[in-house]
Amino acid sequence: MVASLTISVELELGWGMHDVAEYSHLSKERRNETEYTLRFLDLTDQLNVPITFNVVGHLLHQSCDGHHLGPYPDGWWSEDPGTDMRTNPLFYAPDLVEEICDRPTDHEVATHTYSHLLAEQATVETLDTDLLKALETHASFGLPSPTSIILPRHQQPEYQILRKHGIKTIRQLIKDYGRPDINPISKTWWILTRDHPMSTLRERNAVLETTVTPHPSLTSSTLPSGQSPPHPVFRTIPVQIRQRLHRKYLIAAIDRAIDRDRHLHLWTHVFNFANEYQYPPIECALKHLARRRNEGKVHIRRMSDLHL
């Protein structure tokens, strides 16, 4: 048996926090998100590392009028600008999806729902409608129907709705992971020195689950996340040390999965790596992953490629 590694990246931009109208983590006109997505795609092409990109369906539109039919709660679309990509590029990003699809590396475009729908706060009817809209938008864009999904904020859906829409694989959280105490000193030390846990592949209700940490793992919470600075305690540590620790964290996780013939799933959002601080450790880790893959020690699998 050979280890397997999956990398999934959320492309949600303005939709990620539209329910609370929070956008301070994003760059103006999504300049940074565009720049670093292109850099990331260049790197994956250089190394032939396929990624699962989980895309909010509304981002596939060039434009819209801001009105979307369906059993959505009142105010759900209040942040939809009802304009176009040129005017509000945080809410429309067909150019980025085209870049993903046009690259020589065979990336997967999975779904992150149509409207960044929160499954636990939505009715079954609303989730059904939202997934149907996501599939229709994929089809209109010329994409194959998605078979993989990441529910926003890892909320729990009704699996029969997923199966109804052809979803075969879902990303879920590793259970009981994290630091239980609230002592800030010990928690800080744990964040700086922890090991990445192994992921699990399991089938539940005829849907394959691949598990991840609650926090983004391809990027580091000790470094700036998009345009947001890290916690003040981490800012007391030189950036180079924090980058070195995260590089070590990623490479050790890859090697541990190989040594144990296990599955490892790393994830993040596009906005998380859209700055000069996050990119260097990711680049080193992906180069290490490609070397180990070329040695025949690990398979790099998109979510759609996973199986028991």
Foldseek 3Di string as FASTA:
>chain_A
DFEAEAEEAEEQQQLLPVVVRDHLLADVLNPLLVVVLVVVLVLCLVLLFAHEYAYQLQQLDQFAQQDDDFDDDPPLSVSVPRGGCVVRVRRHHNVSVVVSVPGPRDYHYAHQWHRLDQAVVDDLRRSLVRLVSSQVSCVVSVHHRHQEYEHRLQHDHDVVSSVVSNHAEYEHADPPDADPDDDVVVRVVCLLQPAFDFWDWDDDPRHIYIYHHSAQLLFGLLQRFQSRGHDPVSVVDDLVSSLVSSLCRLQVNLVVCLVVVGYYYGYYYSSRCSDPRGPPSSSSSSVSVSVCVVVVRYHYDYRVRDDD
